[in-house]
Amino acid sequence: MNRTPDLPFSTSPGTRVPSPRSEQLSVAFTKEDSAETASETMLPDRPIPPGPNLVTAAGLEALERQLAEARLAYEAAMQITDVNERRRQAASPFRDLRYFTDRVRTAVLVAAPTDTDIVAFGSTVTFARDDGRQQTYRIVGESEADPKTGSISSASPIAQALIGKGVGDVVSVGAGELEIIAIG
């Protein structure tokens, strides 16, 4: 009885599948190829900050959106027929998939502050620097912090100095001082 071996992939009708006996590759070549491919496709995990993974509602939504995007990118990469190219293209989305899965799983949703008398996680704080500049930042979790768009991590030195303080309080950060002007 001539039986076609079970394959871990599908083939189109008329596709020639090499016989295991007729076209054997050198074991040395296979190992070199595997080692090369493995070194190119095994990306290190993205670093996970220590401590609790505090997030605002917007931050949790962003993490969930990034997880969905990573999942779609990984699934698209897995459709590539060339094994080596599939591994290369899937490496980054797979790393992101692991990272965002962990960040969503460990997220601790913190409700928006209802009190604007004291700086807290989720507060928007306006402060004046020694040189007269005024800056406004929202204090958020590490995953959603982006100073360019007006948000800083609750673990940052500035946020740590501001949390628990009120309007008019002056805090020292590095070599300078900040005076809290408004809390929203």
Protein backbone atom coordinates (compact mmCIF):
# COMPACT_ATOMS: atom_id res chain seq x y z
CA MET A 1 0.00 0.00 0.00
CA ASN A 2 1.46 3.36 -1.02
CA ARG A 3 0.37 5.87 1.63
CA THR A 4 1.22 9.59 1.66
CA PRO A 5 2.75 10.57 5.01
CA ASP A 6 0.80 12.90 7.31
CA LEU A 7 2.25 16.38 6.85
CA PRO A 8 2.20 19.24 9.37
CA PHE A 9 1.09 21.55 6.54
CA SER A 10 -1.40 21.44 3.71
CA THR A 11 -0.49 20.99 0.08
CA SER A 12 -2.31 21.95 -3.09
CA PRO A 13 -3.40 19.22 -5.49
CA GLY A 14 -0.52 18.44 -7.80
CA THR A 15 2.12 19.73 -5.37
CA ARG A 16 5.18 17.50 -5.41
CA VAL A 17 6.18 16.42 -1.91
CA PRO A 18 9.74 15.08 -1.78
CA SER A 19 10.15 11.52 -0.66
CA PRO A 20 12.06 11.22 2.61
CA ARG A 21 14.46 8.79 0.93
CA SER A 22 14.96 10.53 -2.42
CA GLU A 23 15.94 14.02 -1.28
CA GLN A 24 17.67 13.89 2.08
CA LEU A 25 19.58 16.96 3.23
CA SER A 26 22.86 16.84 5.02
CA VAL A 27 22.31 16.86 8.78
CA ALA A 28 25.10 19.43 9.13
CA PHE A 29 23.33 21.76 6.68
CA THR A 30 20.03 21.37 8.49
CA LYS A 31 21.58 22.14 11.87
CA GLU A 32 23.41 25.20 10.55
CA ASP A 33 20.23 26.46 8.97
CA SER A 34 18.28 25.80 12.17
CA ALA A 35 20.88 27.52 14.36
CA GLU A 36 21.02 30.53 12.04
CA THR A 37 17.26 30.78 11.90
CA ALA A 38 16.90 30.32 15.65
CA SER A 39 19.40 33.07 16.40
CA GLU A 40 17.54 35.42 14.06
CA THR A 41 14.08 34.59 15.35
CA MET A 42 14.46 34.20 19.11
CA LEU A 43 14.17 37.79 20.27
CA PRO A 44 14.64 38.51 23.97
CA ASP A 45 11.55 39.42 25.94
CA ARG A 46 10.71 43.09 26.33
CA PRO A 47 11.62 44.22 29.85
CA ILE A 48 8.78 44.24 32.37
CA PRO A 49 9.10 47.04 34.93
CA PRO A 50 9.16 45.93 38.57
CA GLY A 51 6.20 46.60 40.83
CA PRO A 52 2.48 46.63 40.18
CA ASN A 53 1.21 47.31 36.67
CA LEU A 54 -1.07 50.27 37.44
CA VAL A 55 -3.16 51.55 34.53
CA THR A 56 -5.86 54.11 33.88
CA ALA A 57 -8.97 53.09 31.93
CA ALA A 58 -7.42 54.63 28.79
CA GLY A 59 -4.17 52.79 29.49
CA LEU A 60 -5.95 49.43 29.76
CA GLU A 61 -7.77 50.10 26.48
CA ALA A 62 -4.44 50.95 24.83
CA LEU A 63 -2.85 47.73 26.13
CA GLU A 64 -5.79 45.67 24.86
CA ARG A 65 -5.58 47.40 21.45
CA GLN A 66 -1.80 46.75 21.27
CA LEU A 67 -2.39 43.10 22.21
CA ALA A 68 -4.96 42.74 19.42
CA GLU A 69 -2.56 44.39 16.93
CA ALA A 70 0.27 42.06 17.99
CA ARG A 71 -2.04 39.06 17.62
CA LEU A 72 -3.05 40.15 14.09
CA ALA A 73 0.57 40.77 13.09
CA TYR A 74 1.58 37.35 14.41
CA GLU A 75 -1.28 35.60 12.63
CA ALA A 76 -0.39 37.39 9.38
CA ALA A 77 3.25 36.33 9.73
CA MET A 78 2.19 32.74 10.30
CA GLN A 79 0.54 32.73 6.84
CA ILE A 80 3.91 33.10 5.10
CA THR A 81 4.72 29.86 3.32
CA ASP A 82 8.52 30.00 3.48
CA VAL A 83 9.43 28.57 6.90
CA ASN A 84 12.52 30.70 7.46
CA GLU A 85 10.83 33.92 6.34
CA ARG A 86 7.78 33.06 8.48
CA ARG A 87 10.05 32.67 11.53
CA ARG A 88 11.79 35.97 10.83
CA GLN A 89 8.55 37.88 10.24
CA ALA A 90 6.82 36.32 13.28
CA ALA A 91 9.65 36.99 15.77
CA SER A 92 8.80 40.59 16.65
CA PRO A 93 5.00 40.13 16.76
CA PHE A 94 5.46 37.00 18.89
CA ARG A 95 7.62 38.93 21.36
CA ASP A 96 5.02 41.73 21.45
CA LEU A 97 2.25 39.16 21.90
CA ARG A 98 4.02 37.72 24.97
CA TYR A 99 4.64 41.21 26.38
CA PHE A 100 1.14 42.62 25.90
CA THR A 101 -0.50 39.39 27.09
CA ASP A 102 1.45 39.74 30.34
CA ARG A 103 0.73 43.48 30.66
CA VAL A 104 -3.03 42.99 30.17
CA ARG A 105 -3.06 39.98 32.51
CA THR A 106 -1.28 41.88 35.30
CA ALA A 107 -2.99 45.25 34.79
CA VAL A 108 -4.42 46.84 37.93
CA LEU A 109 -7.08 49.33 36.89
CA VAL A 110 -6.99 52.46 39.05
CA ALA A 111 -10.12 54.60 39.03
CA ALA A 112 -9.75 58.24 38.04
CA PRO A 113 -9.20 60.46 41.09
CA THR A 114 -12.28 62.26 42.34
CA ASP A 115 -10.34 64.65 44.59
CA THR A 116 -8.42 67.50 42.99
CA ASP A 117 -6.92 68.69 46.28
CA ILE A 118 -4.12 66.11 46.33
CA VAL A 119 -1.98 64.76 43.47
CA ALA A 120 -2.72 61.07 42.85
CA PHE A 121 -2.37 58.43 40.15
CA GLY A 122 -4.42 59.69 37.20
CA SER A 123 -4.20 63.36 38.20
CA THR A 124 -3.22 66.06 35.76
CA VAL A 125 -0.74 68.39 37.46
CA THR A 126 0.51 71.80 36.40
CA PHE A 127 3.70 72.98 38.07
CA ALA A 128 6.22 75.80 37.72
CA ARG A 129 9.94 75.17 37.50
CA ASP A 130 12.69 77.36 39.01
CA ASP A 131 13.32 78.93 35.60
CA GLY A 132 9.67 80.06 35.28
CA ARG A 133 8.55 77.38 32.80
CA GLN A 134 5.16 75.83 33.46
CA GLN A 135 4.48 72.22 32.54
CA THR A 136 1.42 70.04 32.74
CA TYR A 137 1.53 66.25 32.95
CA ARG A 138 -0.94 63.48 33.69
CA ILE A 139 0.41 60.81 36.04
CA VAL A 140 -0.22 57.37 34.53
CA GLY A 141 1.17 53.83 34.48
CA GLU A 142 4.49 52.96 32.88
CA SER A 143 2.88 51.30 29.86
CA GLU A 144 1.02 54.45 28.86
CA ALA A 145 3.52 57.15 29.86
CA ASP A 146 4.69 59.44 27.07
CA PRO A 147 6.12 62.81 28.14
CA LYS A 148 5.87 64.09 24.56
CA THR A 149 2.08 63.80 24.75
CA GLY A 150 1.78 65.07 28.32
CA SER A 151 1.86 61.94 30.48
CA ILE A 152 4.53 60.69 32.87
CA SER A 153 4.95 57.41 34.70
CA SER A 154 3.88 57.25 38.31
CA ALA A 155 7.30 55.67 38.95
CA SER A 156 9.18 58.71 37.59
CA PRO A 157 11.04 60.95 40.06
CA ILE A 158 8.80 63.92 39.26
CA ALA A 159 5.58 61.94 39.80
CA GLN A 160 6.95 60.39 42.99
CA ALA A 161 7.75 63.87 44.34
CA LEU A 162 4.30 65.24 43.39
CA ILE A 163 2.02 62.41 44.57
CA GLY A 164 0.36 63.26 47.87
CA LYS A 165 1.06 66.99 47.59
CA GLY A 166 -1.38 69.88 47.03
CA VAL A 167 -1.58 73.21 45.22
CA GLY A 168 1.09 75.60 46.51
CA ASP A 169 3.40 72.81 47.72
CA VAL A 170 7.02 72.98 46.57
CA VAL A 171 8.92 69.74 45.94
CA SER A 172 12.58 69.10 45.19
CA VAL A 173 13.42 67.10 42.08
CA GLY A 174 17.09 66.69 41.25
CA ALA A 175 18.80 70.04 41.60
CA GLY A 176 15.60 72.05 41.11
CA GLU A 177 12.25 72.73 42.72
CA LEU A 178 8.71 72.48 41.39
CA GLU A 179 5.70 74.41 42.71
CA ILE A 180 2.30 72.84 42.16
CA ILE A 181 -0.03 75.37 40.50
CA ALA A 182 -3.07 73.26 39.63
CA ILE A 183 -4.41 69.72 39.97
CA GLY A 184 -7.06 68.35 37.65
